[in-house]
Protein backbone atom coordinates (compact mmCIF):
# COMPACT_ATOMS: atom_id res chain seq x y z
CA MET A 1 17.11 -0.77 10.77
CA HIS A 2 13.54 0.49 11.22
CA GLN A 3 11.36 -1.00 13.99
CA LEU A 4 8.02 -2.09 12.58
CA SER A 5 4.90 -1.28 14.56
CA LEU A 6 2.46 -4.00 15.46
CA PHE A 7 -0.38 -1.54 14.99
CA ASP A 8 0.61 0.45 11.91
CA ASP A 9 1.67 -1.82 9.11
CA THR A 10 0.23 -2.39 5.65
CA ALA A 11 -1.62 -5.55 6.70
CA THR A 12 -3.33 -3.74 9.57
CA ARG A 13 -4.24 -0.78 7.35
CA LEU A 14 -5.57 -3.14 4.67
CA GLY A 15 -7.62 -4.98 7.28
CA ASP A 16 -9.46 -1.78 8.16
CA LEU A 17 -9.65 -0.49 4.59
CA ASP A 18 -13.23 -1.54 3.82
CA ALA A 19 -14.60 0.03 7.01
CA ALA A 20 -12.53 3.19 6.45
CA ILE A 21 -13.87 3.54 2.90
CA ALA A 22 -17.44 3.02 4.14
CA ARG A 23 -16.90 5.73 6.78
CA ALA A 24 -15.50 8.13 4.19
CA MET A 25 -18.37 7.43 1.80
CA ARG A 26 -20.95 7.87 4.57
CA GLN A 27 -19.38 11.20 5.58
CA ALA A 28 -19.21 12.38 1.97
CA PHE A 29 -22.86 11.42 1.50
CA ALA A 30 -23.84 13.36 4.63
CA ARG A 31 -21.97 16.47 3.41
CA CYS A 32 -23.07 16.44 -0.24
CA GLY A 33 -26.70 17.46 0.33
CA LYS A 34 -28.11 14.89 -2.09
CA SER A 35 -30.52 12.09 -1.28
CA LYS A 36 -29.59 8.43 -1.64
CA ASP A 37 -31.95 8.19 -4.60
CA GLU A 38 -30.27 11.15 -6.31
CA ILE A 39 -26.80 9.69 -5.80
CA VAL A 40 -27.82 6.22 -6.98
CA ASP A 41 -29.52 7.69 -10.07
CA ALA A 42 -26.46 9.83 -10.86
CA MET A 43 -24.11 6.86 -10.37
CA ASN A 44 -26.25 4.67 -12.62
CA ALA A 45 -26.29 7.43 -15.25
CA VAL A 46 -22.47 7.55 -15.23
CA ALA A 47 -22.32 3.77 -15.54
CA ASP A 48 -24.83 3.82 -18.41
CA ARG A 49 -22.81 6.48 -20.27
CA GLY A 50 -19.61 4.51 -19.70
CA ARG A 51 -21.27 1.17 -20.50
CA PHE A 52 -20.11 -0.57 -17.32
CA LYS A 53 -21.71 -2.07 -14.22
CA LEU A 54 -21.35 -0.67 -10.72
CA THR A 55 -22.18 -3.91 -8.96
CA LYS A 56 -21.03 -7.49 -9.00
CA GLY A 57 -23.37 -10.32 -9.89
CA ASN A 58 -26.52 -10.18 -11.97
CA ALA A 59 -27.82 -6.76 -10.96
CA LYS A 60 -28.09 -4.50 -13.98
CA ALA A 61 -27.98 -1.28 -11.95
CA LEU A 62 -27.12 -0.05 -8.50
CA THR A 63 -30.04 -0.01 -6.05
CA VAL A 64 -30.55 2.16 -2.98
CA ALA A 65 -30.46 -1.01 -0.84
CA THR A 66 -27.00 -1.94 -2.12
CA PHE A 67 -25.81 1.65 -1.78
CA GLU A 68 -26.95 1.68 1.86
CA LYS A 69 -24.95 -1.50 2.49
CA TRP A 70 -21.87 0.15 1.00
CA LEU A 71 -22.25 3.01 3.50
CA SER A 72 -22.44 0.64 6.48
CA VAL A 73 -19.16 0.19 8.37
CA SER A 74 -20.37 -3.09 9.84
CA GLU A 75 -21.39 -4.61 6.48
CA ARG A 76 -18.42 -6.81 5.60
CA HIS A 77 -20.01 -8.74 2.75
CA HIS A 78 -21.11 -5.82 0.58
CA ILE A 79 -18.02 -3.94 -0.50
CA PRO A 80 -18.24 -1.45 -3.39
CA PRO A 81 -16.01 -2.29 -6.36
CA THR A 82 -13.20 0.16 -7.03
CA ARG A 83 -14.98 1.55 -10.10
CA ALA A 84 -18.09 2.24 -8.01
CA ILE A 85 -15.99 4.10 -5.42
CA ASN A 86 -14.56 6.24 -8.22
CA VAL A 87 -18.03 6.98 -9.60
CA PHE A 88 -19.37 7.80 -6.13
CA CYS A 89 -16.49 10.23 -5.51
CA GLU A 90 -17.17 11.96 -8.81
CA VAL A 91 -20.91 12.21 -8.19
CA VAL A 92 -20.56 13.72 -4.71
CA GLN A 93 -17.36 15.64 -5.58
CA ASP A 94 -15.55 14.27 -2.50
CA TYR A 95 -12.45 12.15 -3.02
CA ASN A 96 -11.68 11.07 0.55
CA ALA A 97 -12.61 7.43 -0.13
CA LEU A 98 -9.96 7.34 -2.85
CA ARG A 99 -7.52 9.18 -0.60
CA ILE A 100 -7.97 6.47 2.04
CA GLN A 101 -7.12 3.78 -0.51
CA LEU A 102 -3.95 5.65 -1.41
CA HIS A 103 -2.93 6.31 2.21
CA VAL A 104 -2.65 2.56 2.81
CA HIS A 105 0.32 2.69 0.44
CA GLY A 106 1.76 5.99 1.68
CA ALA A 107 0.43 7.93 -1.30
CA ASP A 108 -2.06 10.78 -1.73
CA ILE A 109 -4.10 12.48 -4.42
CA MET A 110 -2.25 15.14 -6.39
CA THR A 111 -4.43 18.13 -7.17
CA PRO A 112 -3.72 20.38 -10.16
CA LYS A 113 -2.21 22.93 -7.73
CA ASP A 114 -0.02 20.22 -6.16
CA LYS A 115 1.18 19.30 -9.64
CA LYS A 116 2.10 22.92 -10.42
CA LEU A 117 4.01 23.18 -7.14
CA ARG A 118 5.83 19.93 -7.93
CA ASP A 119 6.67 21.14 -11.43
CA TYR A 120 7.88 24.46 -10.02
CA GLY A 121 10.08 22.66 -7.49
CA GLU A 122 11.60 20.50 -10.23
CA ILE A 123 12.41 23.62 -12.26
CA VAL A 124 13.99 25.34 -9.24
CA ILE A 125 16.14 22.27 -8.50
CA LYS A 126 17.17 21.97 -12.16
CA ASP A 127 17.99 25.70 -12.25
CA ARG A 128 20.19 25.41 -9.13
CA LYS A 129 22.00 22.39 -10.61
CA THR A 130 22.57 24.30 -13.86
CA LYS A 131 23.98 27.30 -11.94
CA ARG A 132 26.24 25.00 -9.91
CA ASP A 133 27.49 23.28 -13.08
CA LYS A 134 28.05 26.70 -14.69
CA ARG A 135 30.12 27.88 -11.69
CA LYS A 136 32.27 24.72 -11.84
CA LEU A 137 32.98 25.27 -15.53
CA GLU A 138 33.81 28.95 -14.93
CA GLU A 139 36.27 27.99 -12.16
CA GLU A 140 37.95 25.44 -14.45
CA LEU A 141 38.30 28.05 -17.20
CA LEU A 142 39.87 30.68 -14.95
């Protein structure tokens, strides 16, 4: 039986998820070298091309004011929708906000290199199993 922690369970991680995403987005914004206006314009352009909204409610487009609220850890009433987080990550080319969402569930982002390593590992394991099966058959034949 596994002892559950009072401080590291899914409910606790989910409780801090919004603030953790805001921190990751704020850090990604600081590192990307773009202004808030540039990011908002780029996000709105993606939404226009995809014919979807980034915000809830009646707003037709994302504003800098709303974007600033999304970056605030203390702002509990203005949470970016999942689609907006995805668009933000693409615009700034930083996927830590998505990674944080996955970590809550014990998962992570798989990069193309990670996928190749996984595929390679599967082939190695299959090859070893095939060799083992081949040896068993050879022993039975002799």
